[in-house]
C-alpha atoms as a PDB file:
ATOM      1  CA  MET A   1      44.377  30.922 -15.913  1.00  0.00           C
ATOM      2  CA  THR A   2      44.373  34.398 -14.400  1.00  0.00           C
ATOM      3  CA  THR A   3      42.295  37.370 -15.517  1.00  0.00           C
ATOM      4  CA  SER A   4      42.044  40.751 -13.863  1.00  0.00           C
ATOM      5  CA  ALA A   5      38.434  40.342 -12.730  1.00  0.00           C
ATOM      6  CA  VAL A   6      38.252  36.604 -11.956  1.00  0.00           C
ATOM      7  CA  LEU A   7      41.140  34.435 -10.830  1.00  0.00           C
ATOM      8  CA  THR A   8      41.273  30.692 -11.440  1.00  0.00           C
ATOM      9  CA  ARG A   9      43.827  28.418  -9.816  1.00  0.00           C
ATOM     10  CA  ILE A  10      43.745  24.653 -10.234  1.00  0.00           C
ATOM     11  CA  ASP A  11      45.422  22.754  -7.426  1.00  0.00           C
ATOM     12  CA  GLY A  12      45.218  19.013  -8.056  1.00  0.00           C
ATOM     13  CA  PRO A  13      41.540  18.007  -7.997  1.00  0.00           C
ATOM     14  CA  VAL A  14      40.300  21.406  -6.781  1.00  0.00           C
ATOM     15  CA  ALA A  15      39.711  24.572  -8.801  1.00  0.00           C
ATOM     16  CA  TYR A  16      39.798  27.782  -6.776  1.00  0.00           C
ATOM     17  CA  VAL A  17      37.874  30.598  -8.471  1.00  0.00           C
ATOM     18  CA  SER A  18      37.912  34.082  -6.954  1.00  0.00           C
ATOM     19  CA  LEU A  19      36.176  37.332  -7.822  1.00  0.00           C
ATOM     20  CA  ASN A  20      38.987  39.869  -7.962  1.00  0.00           C
ATOM     21  CA  ARG A  21      37.651  43.409  -7.649  1.00  0.00           C
ATOM     22  CA  PRO A  22      38.301  43.919  -3.932  1.00  0.00           C
ATOM     23  CA  GLU A  23      38.416  47.698  -4.283  1.00  0.00           C
ATOM     24  CA  LYS A  24      34.775  47.510  -5.484  1.00  0.00           C
ATOM     25  CA  LEU A  25      33.756  44.816  -2.985  1.00  0.00           C
ATOM     26  CA  ASN A  26      33.790  42.454  -5.985  1.00  0.00           C
ATOM     27  CA  GLY A  27      30.907  44.269  -7.610  1.00  0.00           C
ATOM     28  CA  VAL A  28      29.866  42.552 -10.841  1.00  0.00           C
ATOM     29  CA  ASP A  29      30.703  44.380 -14.066  1.00  0.00           C
ATOM     30  CA  PHE A  30      31.032  43.051 -17.605  1.00  0.00           C
ATOM     31  CA  ASP A  31      34.616  41.905 -16.961  1.00  0.00           C
ATOM     32  CA  VAL A  32      33.413  39.817 -14.012  1.00  0.00           C
ATOM     33  CA  LEU A  33      30.557  38.365 -16.058  1.00  0.00           C
ATOM     34  CA  GLN A  34      32.926  37.339 -18.851  1.00  0.00           C
ATOM     35  CA  GLY A  35      35.481  36.116 -16.322  1.00  0.00           C
ATOM     36  CA  LEU A  36      32.895  33.861 -14.700  1.00  0.00           C
ATOM     37  CA  LEU A  37      31.900  32.422 -18.072  1.00  0.00           C
ATOM     38  CA  ASP A  38      35.550  31.834 -19.004  1.00  0.00           C
ATOM     39  CA  ALA A  39      36.378  30.274 -15.640  1.00  0.00           C
ATOM     40  CA  ALA A  40      33.419  27.882 -15.813  1.00  0.00           C
ATOM     41  CA  ALA A  41      34.467  26.853 -19.328  1.00  0.00           C
ATOM     42  CA  GLU A  42      38.034  26.255 -18.146  1.00  0.00           C
ATOM     43  CA  VAL A  43      36.894  24.103 -15.225  1.00  0.00           C
ATOM     44  CA  ARG A  44      34.705  22.058 -17.558  1.00  0.00           C
ATOM     45  CA  ARG A  45      37.688  21.370 -19.833  1.00  0.00           C
ATOM     46  CA  HIS A  46      39.773  19.974 -16.946  1.00  0.00           C
ATOM     47  CA  ARG A  47      38.318  16.525 -16.378  1.00  0.00           C
ATOM     48  CA  ASP A  48      40.654  15.905 -13.446  1.00  0.00           C
ATOM     49  CA  VAL A  49      39.004  18.728 -11.467  1.00  0.00           C
ATOM     50  CA  ARG A  50      36.693  17.203  -8.883  1.00  0.00           C
ATOM     51  CA  ALA A  51      35.326  20.271  -7.061  1.00  0.00           C
ATOM     52  CA  VAL A  52      35.267  24.060  -7.264  1.00  0.00           C
ATOM     53  CA  VAL A  53      35.728  26.508  -4.392  1.00  0.00           C
ATOM     54  CA  LEU A  54      34.204  29.882  -5.291  1.00  0.00           C
ATOM     55  CA  GLN A  55      35.351  32.897  -3.243  1.00  0.00           C
ATOM     56  CA  GLY A  56      35.756  36.681  -3.257  1.00  0.00           C
ATOM     57  CA  GLU A  57      39.009  38.535  -2.691  1.00  0.00           C
ATOM     58  CA  GLY A  58      39.221  41.233  -0.025  1.00  0.00           C
ATOM     59  CA  ASP A  59      36.525  42.214   2.445  1.00  0.00           C
ATOM     60  CA  SER A  60      33.464  40.828   0.653  1.00  0.00           C
ATOM     61  CA  PHE A  61      32.284  37.894  -1.383  1.00  0.00           C
ATOM     62  CA  CYS A  62      30.297  40.131  -3.750  1.00  0.00           C
ATOM     63  CA  ALA A  63      28.349  43.349  -3.138  1.00  0.00           C
ATOM     64  CA  GLY A  64      26.149  42.897  -6.223  1.00  0.00           C
ATOM     65  CA  LEU A  65      25.970  44.444  -9.668  1.00  0.00           C
ATOM     66  CA  ASP A  66      28.224  47.461 -10.186  1.00  0.00           C
ATOM     67  CA  PHE A  67      25.542  49.760 -11.603  1.00  0.00           C
ATOM     68  CA  ALA A  68      27.944  52.685 -12.009  1.00  0.00           C
ATOM     69  CA  SER A  69      30.043  50.599 -14.398  1.00  0.00           C
ATOM     70  CA  VAL A  70      27.337  48.602 -16.151  1.00  0.00           C
ATOM     71  CA  GLN A  71      24.451  51.024 -16.615  1.00  0.00           C
ATOM     72  CA  PRO A  72      26.185  53.557 -18.920  1.00  0.00           C
ATOM     73  CA  GLN A  73      27.035  50.761 -21.391  1.00  0.00           C
ATOM     74  CA  ARG A  74      23.510  50.574 -22.749  1.00  0.00           C
ATOM     75  CA  ALA A  75      24.295  48.698 -25.946  1.00  0.00           C
ATOM     76  CA  LYS A  76      26.172  46.020 -24.031  1.00  0.00           C
ATOM     77  CA  VAL A  77      23.406  45.793 -21.438  1.00  0.00           C
ATOM     78  CA  ALA A  78      20.933  45.185 -24.260  1.00  0.00           C
ATOM     79  CA  ARG A  79      23.104  42.453 -25.802  1.00  0.00           C
ATOM     80  CA  PHE A  80      23.537  40.673 -22.476  1.00  0.00           C
ATOM     81  CA  PHE A  81      19.838  40.995 -21.646  1.00  0.00           C
ATOM     82  CA  LEU A  82      18.636  39.408 -24.880  1.00  0.00           C
ATOM     83  CA  THR A  83      18.106  35.644 -24.871  1.00  0.00           C
ATOM     84  CA  LEU A  84      19.636  33.618 -27.688  1.00  0.00           C
ATOM     85  CA  PRO A  85      17.160  31.269 -29.412  1.00  0.00           C
ATOM     86  CA  TRP A  86      19.045  28.120 -28.373  1.00  0.00           C
ATOM     87  CA  ARG A  87      19.457  29.062 -24.697  1.00  0.00           C
ATOM     88  CA  ALA A  88      17.032  29.525 -21.817  1.00  0.00           C
ATOM     89  CA  THR A  89      19.329  32.106 -20.220  1.00  0.00           C
ATOM     90  CA  ASN A  90      20.539  35.538 -21.254  1.00  0.00           C
ATOM     91  CA  GLY A  91      24.114  36.731 -20.702  1.00  0.00           C
ATOM     92  CA  PHE A  92      23.550  38.001 -17.167  1.00  0.00           C
ATOM     93  CA  GLN A  93      21.869  34.751 -16.144  1.00  0.00           C
ATOM     94  CA  GLN A  94      24.305  32.405 -17.891  1.00  0.00           C
ATOM     95  CA  ALA A  95      27.376  33.847 -16.138  1.00  0.00           C
ATOM     96  CA  LEU A  96      25.887  32.529 -12.888  1.00  0.00           C
ATOM     97  CA  TRP A  97      23.880  29.528 -14.148  1.00  0.00           C
ATOM     98  CA  ALA A  98      27.049  28.130 -15.761  1.00  0.00           C
ATOM     99  CA  TRP A  99      28.177  27.059 -12.289  1.00  0.00           C
ATOM    100  CA  ARG A 100      24.959  25.155 -11.759  1.00  0.00           C
ATOM    101  CA  GLU A 101      25.535  23.377 -15.083  1.00  0.00           C
ATOM    102  CA  LEU A 102      29.110  22.303 -14.335  1.00  0.00           C
ATOM    103  CA  PRO A 103      29.522  18.522 -13.914  1.00  0.00           C
ATOM    104  CA  VAL A 104      31.444  19.031 -10.656  1.00  0.00           C
ATOM    105  CA  PRO A 105      30.210  20.328  -7.285  1.00  0.00           C
ATOM    106  CA  VAL A 106      30.669  24.048  -6.673  1.00  0.00           C
ATOM    107  CA  ILE A 107      31.130  25.289  -3.111  1.00  0.00           C
ATOM    108  CA  ALA A 108      30.738  29.010  -2.421  1.00  0.00           C
ATOM    109  CA  VAL A 109      32.713  30.356   0.546  1.00  0.00           C
ATOM    110  CA  THR A 110      31.249  33.711   1.517  1.00  0.00           C
ATOM    111  CA  HIS A 111      32.034  36.604   3.837  1.00  0.00           C
ATOM    112  CA  GLY A 112      31.268  40.290   4.087  1.00  0.00           C
ATOM    113  CA  HIS A 113      28.638  41.365   1.570  1.00  0.00           C
ATOM    114  CA  VAL A 114      26.593  38.727  -0.257  1.00  0.00           C
ATOM    115  CA  PHE A 115      24.259  41.139  -2.024  1.00  0.00           C
ATOM    116  CA  GLY A 116      22.167  41.071  -5.196  1.00  0.00           C
ATOM    117  CA  ALA A 117      24.166  39.354  -7.922  1.00  0.00           C
ATOM    118  CA  GLY A 118      26.433  38.049  -5.159  1.00  0.00           C
ATOM    119  CA  ILE A 119      23.702  36.128  -3.375  1.00  0.00           C
ATOM    120  CA  GLN A 120      22.468  34.816  -6.735  1.00  0.00           C
ATOM    121  CA  LEU A 121      25.985  33.610  -7.551  1.00  0.00           C
ATOM    122  CA  ALA A 122      26.195  31.889  -4.169  1.00  0.00           C
ATOM    123  CA  LEU A 123      22.809  30.275  -4.795  1.00  0.00           C
ATOM    124  CA  ALA A 124      24.061  28.941  -8.148  1.00  0.00           C
ATOM    125  CA  ALA A 125      26.648  26.917  -6.219  1.00  0.00           C
ATOM    126  CA  ASP A 126      25.764  23.472  -4.882  1.00  0.00           C
ATOM    127  CA  PHE A 127      26.841  24.343  -1.338  1.00  0.00           C
ATOM    128  CA  ARG A 128      27.370  27.616   0.523  1.00  0.00           C
ATOM    129  CA  PHE A 129      29.475  28.162   3.628  1.00  0.00           C
ATOM    130  CA  THR A 130      29.503  31.570   5.281  1.00  0.00           C
ATOM    131  CA  THR A 131      30.848  33.544   8.188  1.00  0.00           C
ATOM    132  CA  PRO A 132      28.227  34.226  10.879  1.00  0.00           C
ATOM    133  CA  ASP A 133      28.528  38.001  10.438  1.00  0.00           C
ATOM    134  CA  ALA A 134      28.259  38.037   6.629  1.00  0.00           C
ATOM    135  CA  GLN A 135      25.386  40.117   5.219  1.00  0.00           C
ATOM    136  CA  TRP A 136      23.029  38.426   2.755  1.00  0.00           C
ATOM    137  CA  SER A 137      20.401  40.348   0.787  1.00  0.00           C
ATOM    138  CA  LEU A 138      18.392  40.222  -2.417  1.00  0.00           C
ATOM    139  CA  LEU A 139      19.143  43.901  -2.758  1.00  0.00           C
ATOM    140  CA  GLU A 140      17.249  44.284  -6.049  1.00  0.00           C
ATOM    141  CA  ALA A 141      14.115  45.180  -4.070  1.00  0.00           C
ATOM    142  CA  LYS A 142      15.834  48.362  -2.883  1.00  0.00           C
ATOM    143  CA  TRP A 143      15.976  49.571  -6.491  1.00  0.00           C
ATOM    144  CA  GLY A 144      12.457  48.466  -7.435  1.00  0.00           C
ATOM    145  CA  LEU A 145      13.751  45.405  -9.294  1.00  0.00           C
ATOM    146  CA  VAL A 146      13.452  41.625  -9.094  1.00  0.00           C
ATOM    147  CA  PRO A 147      16.260  39.034  -8.921  1.00  0.00           C
ATOM    148  CA  ASP A 148      16.991  38.311 -12.588  1.00  0.00           C
ATOM    149  CA  MET A 149      20.359  36.547 -12.738  1.00  0.00           C
ATOM    150  CA  SER A 150      19.004  32.974 -12.328  1.00  0.00           C
ATOM    151  CA  GLY A 151      18.747  33.204  -8.532  1.00  0.00           C
ATOM    152  CA  THR A 152      15.001  32.667  -8.267  1.00  0.00           C
ATOM    153  CA  VAL A 153      15.262  28.975  -9.240  1.00  0.00           C
ATOM    154  CA  PRO A 154      17.632  27.847  -6.455  1.00  0.00           C
ATOM    155  CA  LEU A 155      15.999  30.290  -4.021  1.00  0.00           C
ATOM    156  CA  VAL A 156      12.630  28.548  -4.151  1.00  0.00           C
ATOM    157  CA  GLU A 157      14.377  25.166  -3.957  1.00  0.00           C
ATOM    158  CA  LEU A 158      16.178  26.081  -0.741  1.00  0.00           C
ATOM    159  CA  VAL A 159      13.603  27.997   1.312  1.00  0.00           C
ATOM    160  CA  GLY A 160       9.850  28.063   1.732  1.00  0.00           C
ATOM    161  CA  ALA A 161       7.708  30.162  -0.575  1.00  0.00           C
ATOM    162  CA  ASP A 162       6.941  32.699   2.144  1.00  0.00           C
ATOM    163  CA  VAL A 163      10.622  33.163   3.007  1.00  0.00           C
ATOM    164  CA  ALA A 164      11.584  33.500  -0.663  1.00  0.00           C
ATOM    165  CA  LYS A 165       8.887  36.112  -1.223  1.00  0.00           C
ATOM    166  CA  ARG A 166       9.853  38.050   1.901  1.00  0.00           C
ATOM    167  CA  LEU A 167      13.502  38.203   0.867  1.00  0.00           C
ATOM    168  CA  ALA A 168      12.666  39.207  -2.716  1.00  0.00           C
ATOM    169  CA  MET A 169       9.957  41.713  -1.795  1.00  0.00           C
ATOM    170  CA  THR A 170      11.716  43.496   1.069  1.00  0.00           C
ATOM    171  CA  GLY A 171      15.422  43.181   0.251  1.00  0.00           C
ATOM    172  CA  GLU A 172      16.013  42.746   3.968  1.00  0.00           C
ATOM    173  CA  THR A 173      19.507  41.837   5.108  1.00  0.00           C
ATOM    174  CA  VAL A 174      20.102  38.645   7.073  1.00  0.00           C
ATOM    175  CA  SER A 175      23.323  37.598   8.745  1.00  0.00           C
ATOM    176  CA  GLY A 176      25.296  34.544   7.725  1.00  0.00           C
ATOM    177  CA  ALA A 177      24.029  32.792  10.836  1.00  0.00           C
ATOM    178  CA  GLU A 178      20.436  33.611   9.868  1.00  0.00           C
ATOM    179  CA  ALA A 179      21.109  32.535   6.273  1.00  0.00           C
ATOM    180  CA  ALA A 180      22.156  29.121   7.555  1.00  0.00           C
ATOM    181  CA  ALA A 181      19.128  28.915   9.862  1.00  0.00           C
ATOM    182  CA  ILE A 182      16.639  29.550   7.027  1.00  0.00           C
ATOM    183  CA  GLY A 183      18.411  27.276   4.547  1.00  0.00           C
ATOM    184  CA  LEU A 184      20.164  29.767   2.271  1.00  0.00           C
ATOM    185  CA  ALA A 185      23.597  28.697   3.528  1.00  0.00           C
ATOM    186  CA  SER A 186      24.733  25.096   3.937  1.00  0.00           C
ATOM    187  CA  GLY A 187      26.846  25.879   6.990  1.00  0.00           C
ATOM    188  CA  VAL A 188      28.334  28.680   9.051  1.00  0.00           C
ATOM    189  CA  ALA A 189      31.811  29.008  10.567  1.00  0.00           C
ATOM    190  CA  ASP A 190      34.274  31.709  11.531  1.00  0.00           C
ATOM    191  CA  ASP A 191      36.543  30.193   8.876  1.00  0.00           C
ATOM    192  CA  PRO A 192      34.062  28.884   6.275  1.00  0.00           C
ATOM    193  CA  LEU A 193      36.847  27.605   4.033  1.00  0.00           C
ATOM    194  CA  LYS A 194      37.531  24.855   6.595  1.00  0.00           C
ATOM    195  CA  PRO A 195      34.155  23.043   6.335  1.00  0.00           C
ATOM    196  CA  ALA A 196      34.207  23.698   2.593  1.00  0.00           C
ATOM    197  CA  LEU A 197      37.504  21.827   2.214  1.00  0.00           C
ATOM    198  CA  GLU A 198      36.271  19.050   4.499  1.00  0.00           C
ATOM    199  CA  LEU A 199      33.362  18.584   2.105  1.00  0.00           C
ATOM    200  CA  VAL A 200      35.768  18.668  -0.847  1.00  0.00           C
ATOM    201  CA  ASP A 201      37.745  15.822   0.745  1.00  0.00           C
ATOM    202  CA  ALA A 202      34.571  13.755   1.135  1.00  0.00           C
ATOM    203  CA  ILE A 203      33.557  14.409  -2.482  1.00  0.00           C
ATOM    204  CA  VAL A 204      37.003  13.642  -3.905  1.00  0.00           C
ATOM    205  CA  ALA A 205      36.878  10.241  -2.190  1.00  0.00           C
ATOM    206  CA  ARG A 206      33.987   9.224  -4.477  1.00  0.00           C
ATOM    207  CA  SER A 207      33.839   8.443  -8.191  1.00  0.00           C
ATOM    208  CA  PRO A 208      33.893  11.661 -10.241  1.00  0.00           C
ATOM    209  CA  ASP A 209      31.355  10.118 -12.589  1.00  0.00           C
ATOM    210  CA  SER A 210      28.794   9.250  -9.916  1.00  0.00           C
ATOM    211  CA  VAL A 211      29.261  12.705  -8.365  1.00  0.00           C
ATOM    212  CA  ALA A 212      28.683  14.392 -11.737  1.00  0.00           C
ATOM    213  CA  ALA A 213      25.680  12.207 -12.508  1.00  0.00           C
ATOM    214  CA  SER A 214      24.195  12.776  -9.053  1.00  0.00           C
ATOM    215  CA  LYS A 215      24.486  16.554  -9.429  1.00  0.00           C
ATOM    216  CA  LYS A 216      22.836  16.529 -12.843  1.00  0.00           C
ATOM    217  CA  LEU A 217      20.160  14.046 -11.801  1.00  0.00           C
ATOM    218  CA  LEU A 218      19.134  15.885  -8.633  1.00  0.00           C
ATOM    219  CA  ASN A 219      19.093  19.260 -10.379  1.00  0.00           C
ATOM    220  CA  GLN A 220      16.880  17.907 -13.152  1.00  0.00           C
ATOM    221  CA  VAL A 221      14.578  16.012 -10.791  1.00  0.00           C
ATOM    222  CA  ARG A 222      13.740  19.285  -9.052  1.00  0.00           C
ATOM    223  CA  LEU A 223      12.627  20.851 -12.314  1.00  0.00           C
ATOM    224  CA  GLY A 224      10.742  17.942 -13.895  1.00  0.00           C
ATOM    225  CA  GLY A 225       7.886  15.527 -13.296  1.00  0.00           C
ATOM    226  CA  LEU A 226       7.952  11.973 -11.976  1.00  0.00           C
ATOM    227  CA  ARG A 227       8.105  10.254 -15.368  1.00  0.00           C
ATOM    228  CA  SER A 228      11.123  12.273 -16.511  1.00  0.00           C
ATOM    229  CA  ALA A 229      12.796  11.941 -13.101  1.00  0.00           C
ATOM    230  CA  PHE A 230      12.586   8.155 -13.063  1.00  0.00           C
ATOM    231  CA  ARG A 231      13.712   7.983 -16.698  1.00  0.00           C
ATOM    232  CA  ARG A 232      16.816  10.040 -15.852  1.00  0.00           C
ATOM    233  CA  GLU A 233      17.568   7.753 -12.905  1.00  0.00           C
ATOM    234  CA  ARG A 234      17.633   4.771 -15.262  1.00  0.00           C
ATOM    235  CA  LEU A 235      19.687   6.535 -17.935  1.00  0.00           C
ATOM    236  CA  TYR A 236      22.306   7.878 -15.538  1.00  0.00           C
ATOM    237  CA  GLN A 237      22.580   4.569 -13.695  1.00  0.00           C
ATOM    238  CA  LEU A 238      23.177   2.832 -17.022  1.00  0.00           C
ATOM    239  CA  ALA A 239      25.962   5.348 -17.682  1.00  0.00           C
ATOM    240  CA  MET A 240      27.440   4.517 -14.257  1.00  0.00           C
ATOM    241  CA  PHE A 241      27.393   0.791 -15.064  1.00  0.00           C
ATOM    242  CA  ARG A 242      29.579   1.599 -18.070  1.00  0.00           C
ATOM    243  CA  SER A 243      31.953   3.959 -16.246  1.00  0.00           C
ATOM    244  CA  PRO A 244      35.527   2.778 -15.602  1.00  0.00           C
ATOM    245  CA  ASN A 245      35.440   4.704 -12.319  1.00  0.00           C
ATOM    246  CA  THR A 246      32.536   2.525 -11.156  1.00  0.00           C
ATOM    247  CA  VAL A 247      34.721  -0.553 -11.673  1.00  0.00           C
ATOM    248  CA  ILE A 248      37.483   1.120  -9.656  1.00  0.00           C
ATOM    249  CA  ALA A 249      35.050   1.978  -6.845  1.00  0.00           C
ATOM    250  CA  ARG A 250      33.632  -1.554  -6.752  1.00  0.00           C
ATOM    251  CA  LYS A 251      37.022  -3.276  -6.698  1.00  0.00           C
ATOM    252  CA  ALA A 252      38.378  -0.931  -4.021  1.00  0.00           C
ATOM    253  CA  GLY A 253      35.270  -1.414  -1.915  1.00  0.00           C
ATOM    254  CA  MET A 254      35.524  -5.188  -2.070  1.00  0.00           C
ATOM    255  CA  LYS A 255      39.185  -5.018  -1.059  1.00  0.00           C
ATOM    256  CA  ARG A 256      38.541  -2.316   1.583  1.00  0.00           C
ATOM    257  CA  GLU A 257      41.107  -0.121  -0.154  1.00  0.00           C
ATOM    258  CA  GLN A 258      41.105   3.578  -0.981  1.00  0.00           C
ATOM    259  CA  PRO A 259      40.097   3.936  -4.653  1.00  0.00           C
ATOM    260  CA  GLU A 260      42.306   5.811  -7.101  1.00  0.00           C
ATOM    261  CA  PHE A 261      39.935   7.188  -9.701  1.00  0.00           C
ATOM    262  CA  GLY A 262      40.712   8.201 -13.263  1.00  0.00           C
ATOM    263  CA  PRO A 263      39.471  11.371 -14.984  1.00  0.00           C
ATOM    264  CA  ARG A 264      35.741  12.108 -15.061  1.00  0.00           C
ATOM    265  CA  THR A 265      34.028  10.486 -18.037  1.00  0.00           C
ATOM    266  CA  PHE A 266      30.458  11.698 -17.384  1.00  0.00           C
ATOM    267  CA  GLY A 267      29.179  15.125 -18.364  1.00  0.00           C
END
């Protein structure tokens, strides 16, 4: 599927999703928000997709919220800001959190600006690879605001409390190399797509069900207590015992062969 603001291309087991407002440094407007929601829904429907590579077209990954476009649409801002009774997230948050909820790993490949909504989108991914000269910033502090598009949850998971507070309170800009050093980025390379695709290859070699269950389990363990964590371990392992892909993995392992997995059945 292709939309003007967000492009989605599925190539075998990999979905490539790109922000497509290069003339605005991929600033987030309502079209991008809806495009992200639609793209996440499309990826979820394709059970043969095993990983997502999330990128930005042009010179930047994402320079943040496009205030000039969004702010005048006050009625729409209000609708997106309200939280529906059956969801924990509002519209602004869900467009990013949807990638965290996907049952496949999401790998953000960043360059140029990774500002505001852009850094929060990168943080919603499971892994982040960046160029060393990319610029990362929780830019909301510059405007007297706080990060409010779901980014605070993964932020405090990835870095220490003092680092998270410093980034949120000052809005300081760190390079891609510094982002990797403090734990915001998973890796740094002049061509960050290369290590991203190497990780994709490693993930695709494993059962799509165990990968999906591991993502969900580890995300939930971070947010819950011991009793609920151990209960989820048991439940998800029981689901793996029943998965046809587990049988394929076991038989291939015993024969020292490369497994050929079927579609994902978990999640």
